[in-house]
Structure formats: C-alpha cells, structure tokens
Protein backbone atom coordinates (compact mmCIF):
# COMPACT_ATOMS: atom_id res chain seq x y z
CA ASP A 1 -9.29 -58.20 33.33
CA HIS A 2 -7.45 -56.29 36.22
CA ALA A 3 -4.77 -55.41 34.04
CA LEU A 4 -7.51 -54.28 31.41
CA HIS A 5 -8.68 -52.35 34.33
CA ARG A 6 -5.83 -50.47 34.80
CA GLY A 7 -4.87 -49.44 31.37
CA SER A 8 -8.58 -47.94 31.54
CA ARG A 9 -7.98 -45.94 34.41
CA ARG A 10 -4.26 -45.29 33.54
CA ARG A 11 -6.01 -43.91 30.25
CA GLU A 12 -8.81 -42.05 31.98
CA GLY A 13 -6.20 -40.26 34.41
CA VAL A 14 -4.32 -39.26 30.90
CA ALA A 15 -7.30 -37.97 29.55
CA GLY A 16 -8.13 -36.02 32.35
CA SER A 17 -4.93 -34.41 32.86
CA GLY A 18 -5.44 -33.21 29.36
CA ARG A 19 -8.75 -31.99 29.88
CA VAL A 20 -7.45 -29.66 32.82
CA LEU A 21 -4.63 -28.39 30.63
CA SER A 22 -6.54 -27.83 27.50
CA THR A 23 -8.88 -25.74 29.87
CA LYS A 24 -5.91 -23.60 31.30
CA ALA A 25 -4.50 -23.39 27.93
CA LYS A 26 -7.82 -22.11 26.58
CA ILE A 27 -8.04 -19.50 29.47
CA TRP A 28 -4.48 -18.38 28.50
CA TRP A 29 -5.43 -18.03 24.79
CA ALA A 30 -8.57 -16.09 25.52
CA VAL A 31 -6.63 -13.56 28.25
CA ILE A 32 -4.32 -12.78 25.51
CA THR A 33 -6.65 -12.64 22.74
CA VAL A 34 -8.09 -10.27 25.28
CA VAL A 35 -5.15 -7.90 25.99
CA VAL A 36 -4.30 -8.32 21.73
CA LEU A 37 -7.80 -7.10 20.68
CA VAL A 38 -7.95 -4.71 23.58
CA GLY A 39 -4.44 -3.18 22.19
CA ALA A 40 -5.42 -3.42 18.54
CA LEU A 41 -9.14 -1.76 19.20
CA PHE A 42 -8.30 1.15 21.43
CA PRO A 43 -6.57 3.47 18.62
CA VAL A 44 -9.37 2.41 16.18
CA LEU A 45 -11.77 3.44 19.05
CA SER A 46 -10.04 6.90 20.09
CA ILE A 47 -10.25 8.29 16.56
CA PHE A 48 -14.13 7.06 16.42
CA MET A 49 -14.64 9.06 19.72
CA THR A 50 -12.32 11.80 18.21
CA SER A 51 -14.58 12.16 15.09
CA PHE A 52 -17.40 13.13 16.99
CA LYS A 53 -15.95 15.88 19.20
CA GLY A 54 -15.90 19.47 18.35
CA PRO A 55 -13.40 21.79 17.57
CA SER A 56 -13.21 23.34 21.29
CA ASP A 57 -13.41 19.67 22.84
CA ILE A 58 -10.36 18.32 20.64
CA ASN A 59 -7.93 18.83 23.35
CA SER A 60 -9.96 19.15 26.40
CA GLY A 61 -8.21 15.28 27.20
CA THR A 62 -11.45 13.28 28.00
CA PHE A 63 -11.40 10.31 26.25
CA LEU A 64 -15.74 10.55 25.61
CA PRO A 65 -16.62 13.76 23.99
CA PRO A 66 -17.51 16.63 26.45
CA GLN A 67 -20.97 16.88 23.98
CA TRP A 68 -21.66 14.93 20.85
CA SER A 69 -20.95 16.68 17.49
CA THR A 70 -21.63 15.59 13.96
CA ALA A 71 -20.12 18.66 12.72
CA ASN A 72 -16.62 16.82 11.19
CA TYR A 73 -18.89 14.26 9.54
CA GLU A 74 -20.70 17.11 8.10
CA GLN A 75 -17.52 18.93 6.96
CA ILE A 76 -16.39 16.34 4.85
CA LEU A 77 -19.85 14.80 3.19
CA ALA A 78 -22.25 17.63 3.35
CA SER A 79 -20.80 21.09 4.01
CA GLY A 80 -20.39 22.09 0.47
CA GLY A 81 -16.85 23.58 1.43
CA SER A 82 -13.04 22.32 0.27
CA ALA A 83 -13.17 19.36 2.82
CA GLN A 84 -16.53 17.64 1.18
CA GLU A 85 -14.78 18.02 -2.29
CA LEU A 86 -11.37 16.79 -1.63
CA PHE A 87 -12.64 13.97 0.32
CA LEU A 88 -15.21 13.05 -2.04
CA SER A 89 -13.16 13.24 -5.03
CA ALA A 90 -10.27 10.88 -3.01
CA LEU A 91 -12.98 8.73 -1.95
CA ARG A 92 -13.96 8.53 -5.90
CA ASN A 93 -10.43 7.78 -6.70
CA SER A 94 -9.28 5.54 -3.87
CA ILE A 95 -12.99 3.06 -4.75
CA GLY A 96 -11.83 3.23 -8.66
CA ILE A 97 -8.47 2.80 -8.57
CA SER A 98 -8.47 -0.11 -5.69
CA LEU A 99 -11.38 -1.83 -8.19
CA ILE A 100 -9.46 -1.90 -11.13
CA ALA A 101 -5.94 -2.80 -9.49
CA THR A 102 -7.51 -5.85 -7.74
CA VAL A 103 -9.48 -6.92 -10.64
CA ILE A 104 -6.59 -7.16 -12.90
CA ALA A 105 -3.73 -8.45 -10.00
CA VAL A 106 -6.60 -11.55 -9.83
CA VAL A 107 -6.84 -12.28 -13.07
CA LEU A 108 -3.49 -12.47 -13.71
CA ALA A 109 -2.33 -14.02 -10.40
CA THR A 110 -5.12 -16.81 -11.29
CA LEU A 111 -3.30 -17.93 -14.58
CA CYS A 112 0.12 -16.91 -13.09
CA ALA A 113 -0.88 -19.20 -10.45
CA TYR A 114 -2.20 -21.93 -12.11
CA ALA A 115 0.64 -22.39 -14.31
CA ILE A 116 2.89 -22.89 -11.35
CA ALA A 117 0.89 -25.13 -9.23
CA ARG A 118 0.08 -27.49 -12.41
CA LEU A 119 3.16 -26.93 -15.24
CA ASN A 120 6.33 -27.55 -15.41
CA PHE A 121 8.39 -25.48 -17.07
CA PRO A 122 12.30 -23.93 -16.95
CA GLY A 123 11.87 -20.77 -14.40
CA LYS A 124 9.45 -21.40 -12.07
CA ARG A 125 11.09 -21.44 -9.00
CA LEU A 126 12.69 -18.05 -10.38
CA ILE A 127 9.12 -16.89 -10.87
CA LEU A 128 7.79 -17.28 -7.14
CA THR A 129 11.19 -16.25 -6.09
CA THR A 130 11.04 -12.83 -8.11
CA ALA A 131 7.35 -12.16 -6.80
CA LEU A 132 8.34 -12.68 -3.23
CA GLY A 133 11.32 -10.11 -3.66
CA VAL A 134 9.04 -7.57 -5.23
CA SER A 135 6.77 -7.56 -2.18
CA ILE A 136 9.47 -6.92 0.02
CA PHE A 137 11.34 -4.55 -1.84
CA PRO A 138 10.91 -0.97 -0.20
CA VAL A 139 8.41 1.28 -2.02
CA VAL A 140 10.09 4.35 -0.77
CA SER A 141 13.10 3.40 -2.89
CA ILE A 142 11.74 3.65 -6.15
CA VAL A 143 9.19 6.41 -5.80
CA THR A 144 11.53 9.33 -7.32
CA PRO A 145 12.76 7.26 -10.52
CA LEU A 146 9.10 6.39 -11.02
CA PHE A 147 7.72 9.88 -10.24
CA ASN A 148 10.38 11.08 -13.09
CA LEU A 149 9.35 8.47 -15.49
CA TRP A 150 5.36 9.43 -14.68
CA ARG A 151 6.06 12.83 -15.22
CA ASN A 152 7.96 11.83 -18.64
CA ILE A 153 5.41 9.52 -20.37
CA GLY A 154 2.79 11.75 -19.20
CA LEU A 155 1.00 9.11 -16.45
CA TYR A 156 1.80 11.36 -13.33
CA ASP A 157 -1.33 12.39 -11.56
CA THR A 158 -3.82 9.66 -13.58
CA TRP A 159 -5.72 6.62 -12.43
CA LEU A 160 -3.19 4.69 -14.76
CA GLY A 161 -0.24 6.06 -12.96
CA LEU A 162 -1.62 4.31 -9.90
CA ILE A 163 -3.03 1.34 -10.95
CA ILE A 164 0.50 -0.24 -12.32
CA PRO A 165 2.45 0.46 -9.25
CA TYR A 166 -0.44 -0.77 -7.40
CA LEU A 167 -0.46 -4.01 -9.25
CA SER A 168 3.29 -4.71 -8.16
CA LEU A 169 1.77 -4.54 -4.55
CA THR A 170 -0.97 -6.76 -5.08
CA LEU A 171 0.10 -9.23 -7.18
CA PRO A 172 3.24 -10.89 -5.60
CA ILE A 173 0.85 -11.46 -2.45
CA SER A 174 -1.92 -12.94 -4.89
CA ILE A 175 0.45 -14.93 -6.85
CA TRP A 176 1.87 -16.74 -3.73
CA THR A 177 -2.03 -17.29 -2.01
CA LEU A 178 -3.42 -18.53 -5.23
CA ALA A 179 -0.23 -20.70 -6.30
CA ALA A 180 -1.12 -22.56 -2.53
CA PHE A 181 -4.47 -22.95 -2.85
CA PHE A 182 -4.29 -24.65 -6.56
CA ARG A 183 -2.20 -27.22 -5.28
CA GLN A 184 -4.72 -28.22 -2.84
CA ILE A 185 -7.10 -28.96 -6.36
CA PRO A 186 -6.76 -32.69 -6.90
CA TRP A 187 -5.32 -32.68 -10.76
CA GLU A 188 -7.48 -35.71 -11.26
CA LEU A 189 -10.46 -33.54 -11.34
CA GLU A 190 -9.62 -31.56 -14.16
CA GLN A 191 -7.87 -34.98 -16.01
CA ALA A 192 -11.55 -36.40 -15.97
CA ALA A 193 -12.82 -33.27 -17.46
CA GLN A 194 -10.31 -33.46 -20.53
CA VAL A 195 -11.34 -37.07 -20.54
CA ASP A 196 -15.39 -36.26 -21.06
CA GLY A 197 -14.43 -34.29 -23.73
CA ALA A 198 -13.52 -30.51 -22.39
CA THR A 199 -10.10 -28.49 -23.68
CA PRO A 200 -7.71 -27.58 -21.28
CA TRP A 201 -9.34 -24.33 -20.93
CA GLN A 202 -12.92 -25.00 -20.62
CA ALA A 203 -11.28 -27.39 -18.22
CA PHE A 204 -9.87 -24.86 -16.34
CA ARG A 205 -12.76 -22.58 -16.11
CA LYS A 206 -15.62 -24.94 -15.50
CA ALA A 207 -13.81 -27.64 -13.06
CA ILE A 208 -10.62 -25.71 -11.10
CA VAL A 209 -12.30 -21.98 -11.14
CA PRO A 210 -15.83 -22.83 -8.88
CA LEU A 211 -13.49 -25.13 -6.77
CA ALA A 212 -10.84 -22.10 -6.62
CA ALA A 213 -13.71 -19.78 -6.15
CA PRO A 214 -13.00 -19.11 -1.86
CA GLY A 215 -9.14 -18.55 -2.53
CA VAL A 216 -9.84 -15.95 -5.43
CA PHE A 217 -12.19 -14.43 -3.24
CA THR A 218 -9.76 -14.37 -0.51
CA THR A 219 -7.07 -13.26 -2.64
CA ALA A 220 -8.97 -10.48 -4.41
CA LEU A 221 -10.16 -9.12 -0.89
CA ILE A 222 -6.43 -8.92 0.24
CA ALA A 223 -5.29 -7.21 -2.92
CA PHE A 224 -8.22 -4.59 -2.19
CA PHE A 225 -7.28 -3.86 0.83
CA ILE A 226 -3.44 -3.03 -0.20
CA ALA A 227 -4.39 -0.92 -2.72
CA TRP A 228 -7.40 0.97 -0.24
CA ASN A 229 -4.76 1.71 2.32
CA ASP A 230 -1.75 2.74 0.24
CA PHE A 231 -0.18 6.11 0.81
CA VAL A 232 3.21 6.17 -0.08
CA TYR A 233 2.29 6.11 -4.12
CA GLY A 234 -0.61 8.25 -3.60
CA ILE A 235 0.73 11.10 -2.09
CA SER A 236 3.99 11.03 -4.75
CA LEU A 237 2.46 10.43 -7.61
CA THR A 238 -0.17 12.77 -7.77
CA SER A 239 -0.28 16.77 -7.59
CA THR A 240 -3.97 17.17 -7.62
CA SER A 241 -8.05 15.46 -6.75
CA ALA A 242 -7.92 14.08 -10.39
CA ALA A 243 -6.41 10.64 -9.31
CA ARG A 244 -5.30 11.64 -5.61
CA PRO A 245 -6.62 8.52 -3.24
CA VAL A 246 -8.00 9.31 0.36
CA PRO A 247 -4.44 8.18 2.35
CA ALA A 248 -2.71 11.23 0.58
CA ALA A 249 -5.96 13.51 0.81
CA LEU A 250 -6.31 13.15 4.52
CA ALA A 251 -2.54 14.78 4.18
CA PHE A 252 -4.13 18.04 2.59
CA PHE A 253 -6.61 18.76 4.94
CA THR A 254 -7.26 22.04 6.66
CA GLY A 255 -8.70 23.48 9.52
CA ALA A 256 -11.67 26.06 9.32
CA SER A 257 -8.54 28.40 10.44
CA TYR A 258 -5.05 28.96 9.88
CA PHE A 259 -4.54 28.12 13.84
CA GLU A 260 -7.31 25.37 13.81
CA GLU A 261 -6.05 21.75 13.64
CA PRO A 262 -8.25 19.60 11.12
CA THR A 263 -8.18 16.28 14.00
CA GLY A 264 -11.38 16.21 14.02
CA ALA A 265 -12.40 15.77 9.93
CA ILE A 266 -9.31 13.54 9.47
CA SER A 267 -11.01 11.05 12.47
CA ALA A 268 -13.86 11.20 10.45
CA ALA A 269 -12.94 10.77 7.25
CA ALA A 270 -10.82 8.38 8.56
CA VAL A 271 -13.64 6.08 9.69
CA VAL A 272 -15.80 6.46 6.69
CA VAL A 273 -12.77 5.36 4.94
CA THR A 274 -12.37 2.22 7.19
CA ILE A 275 -16.12 1.21 7.15
CA PRO A 276 -16.14 -0.49 3.61
CA VAL A 277 -13.44 -2.74 5.34
CA VAL A 278 -14.85 -3.71 8.21
CA ILE A 279 -17.94 -4.70 6.56
CA LEU A 280 -16.45 -6.42 4.09
CA VAL A 281 -14.55 -8.59 6.79
CA VAL A 282 -17.55 -9.10 8.50
CA LEU A 283 -19.73 -10.40 6.13
CA PHE A 284 -17.35 -12.46 4.36
CA GLN A 285 -14.77 -13.31 7.10
CA ARG A 286 -15.97 -17.25 6.78
CA GLN A 287 -15.05 -17.06 3.07
CA ILE A 288 -11.25 -15.38 3.90
CA VAL A 289 -10.35 -17.78 6.93
CA SER A 290 -11.39 -21.18 4.73
CA GLY A 291 -9.39 -19.89 1.43
CA LEU A 292 -6.47 -18.94 3.67
CA THR A 293 -6.55 -22.09 5.78
CA GLN A 294 -7.16 -24.16 2.24
CA GLY A 295 -4.04 -22.53 0.81
CA ALA A 296 -2.06 -23.07 3.85
CA VAL A 297 -2.31 -26.44 4.44
CA LYS A 298 -0.17 -28.78 2.00
CA GLY A 299 -2.08 -31.81 1.08
C-alpha cells in the first residue's frame, strides 16, 4: 500500500509539472500568435485607414485619417468616371474567371485524385510528381511564350485565355489536397455500395463524394483564392477591360490629375476585393480546417 501511495504521488507530481509546462507553453504560443497577427494584419489595417483618407491627407504621416472620407470608394463605385468603369469591369472579370477556373479545376481534380487514391496503374507517381513540378514552376518563365501563343491562336485578352493558365495554378494543389483526402475514406464503403448493386460511378457519386464534401469544399476555396489573387497572368495576357482582372486593373488606376497619385483609390479597391475573401474564410473556417486536417492525417 505504501508503494502504491508513493507511485500515486509520483504520478501526481509528474502530472502537476506537466500542467505547469503546458501553461507556459500556452503563454508562449499566445504571445507568438499575437505577434504574428499584429505583423500580418497591420499592413491590412494601414490600407484600410488609407482608403478613408482624402487626397490631401495621404501624405500627412498620420495612421488614422485626419478627416474620414468616402471619396475613394465613391470614385471606384459610384463616380461614373473612368476609375469606376475600370474597377467594376475588372471585378466582373475576376468573379467570372475565378469561378469558372475553380469549378473546372475541382471537377478535374476530383476525378484525377480519386483515380490516384483508389486505382493502381502505371505512371501514378509520375502524375503526382508532375503536378508538384507544375505548381512550383516559375510563372514568369512561361508568360512570354504563352503571350506569343495566345496572340497567334486568338486567345489573348479573353476569359478563356486566362482560365486555361489559371488551371495550371489551381489543378496541382487541388489534386494533391483531394488525393490525400480520398485516402482517408474507407475502401469498404465503396465495396459495400457495389455489393448492393451500385455501379462504380454510382458508388463514387453517392457514397464517396458526400463523404469527401469537406475536402472538395476546402479545395474549391483554395483554388478560388489562387485564381482571385493572380497578377502575373492578368497583367501579361490582357490589354483591355474585356478580360483584365482586378489585381491587374489596379496597376492602371490614375489620379484625378497627372500629379495626383491614386493611392487612396487603389487602397479602396484593395479593401473591396478583400471583403469577399474575408467573408468566405469567416463563414466557412470550420469546413476549411476540417478539410485540411482530415486530408493531412494518414489513416
């Protein structure tokens, strides 16, 4: 009994010391988190404040606007001038091109990732390696030949001329994310559906896809963010407002006069295009975390 009592006290001491260490670790992690958040959000907050400054207050040196003004937002949304036309057309282009590229990438990546996760065929590892190589390949190195090719075949300055390159950005990460997620789904579920009389396609559509919905949803959001934030393709493969997306259109903003910098208008436009991303992340953060963590752990 005495030995058991000493063992119990020893375990309590270890547990107590563990609680002290975990508390210290939590404090350090909290400090690190606050520092990272401040460093990451300060530029965003600075842009937000700049968007409410008037032209005479841009170079005032103060963080907060001396006089809060919505003139920059009126200039890009309701002024009826060139800035509004440029921004709204670019916003429509970004929404349409990003959504189409995301849908195509997710559909193709779902089929490809399912085959990689479930089937054994020659070249499976080569496909994954190629997808990884494409994702890390420098975009700048292929813009010039792609520019010449698109001019020759008539895809320059068109939606399709941007959707195709965007697939090279969104497909690799989509394939890798979904392949990891499909590996977590038990193979027995699909086999049971086929035993009950379902065809392979029906088993995939009715048994596997509903279970993979969190991963598919997470992949769609990541692919949309990648296409939404692209600048290199948008600035290089367009020349008019017919297909120019928002990140590229911001480079063509001008002030009210030749000597006025469009800092306020660019800041307001940056805030407007950031709002949809923030809303999506806030609304679907649980699904994003669920999809990423389930696909990251190998069962």
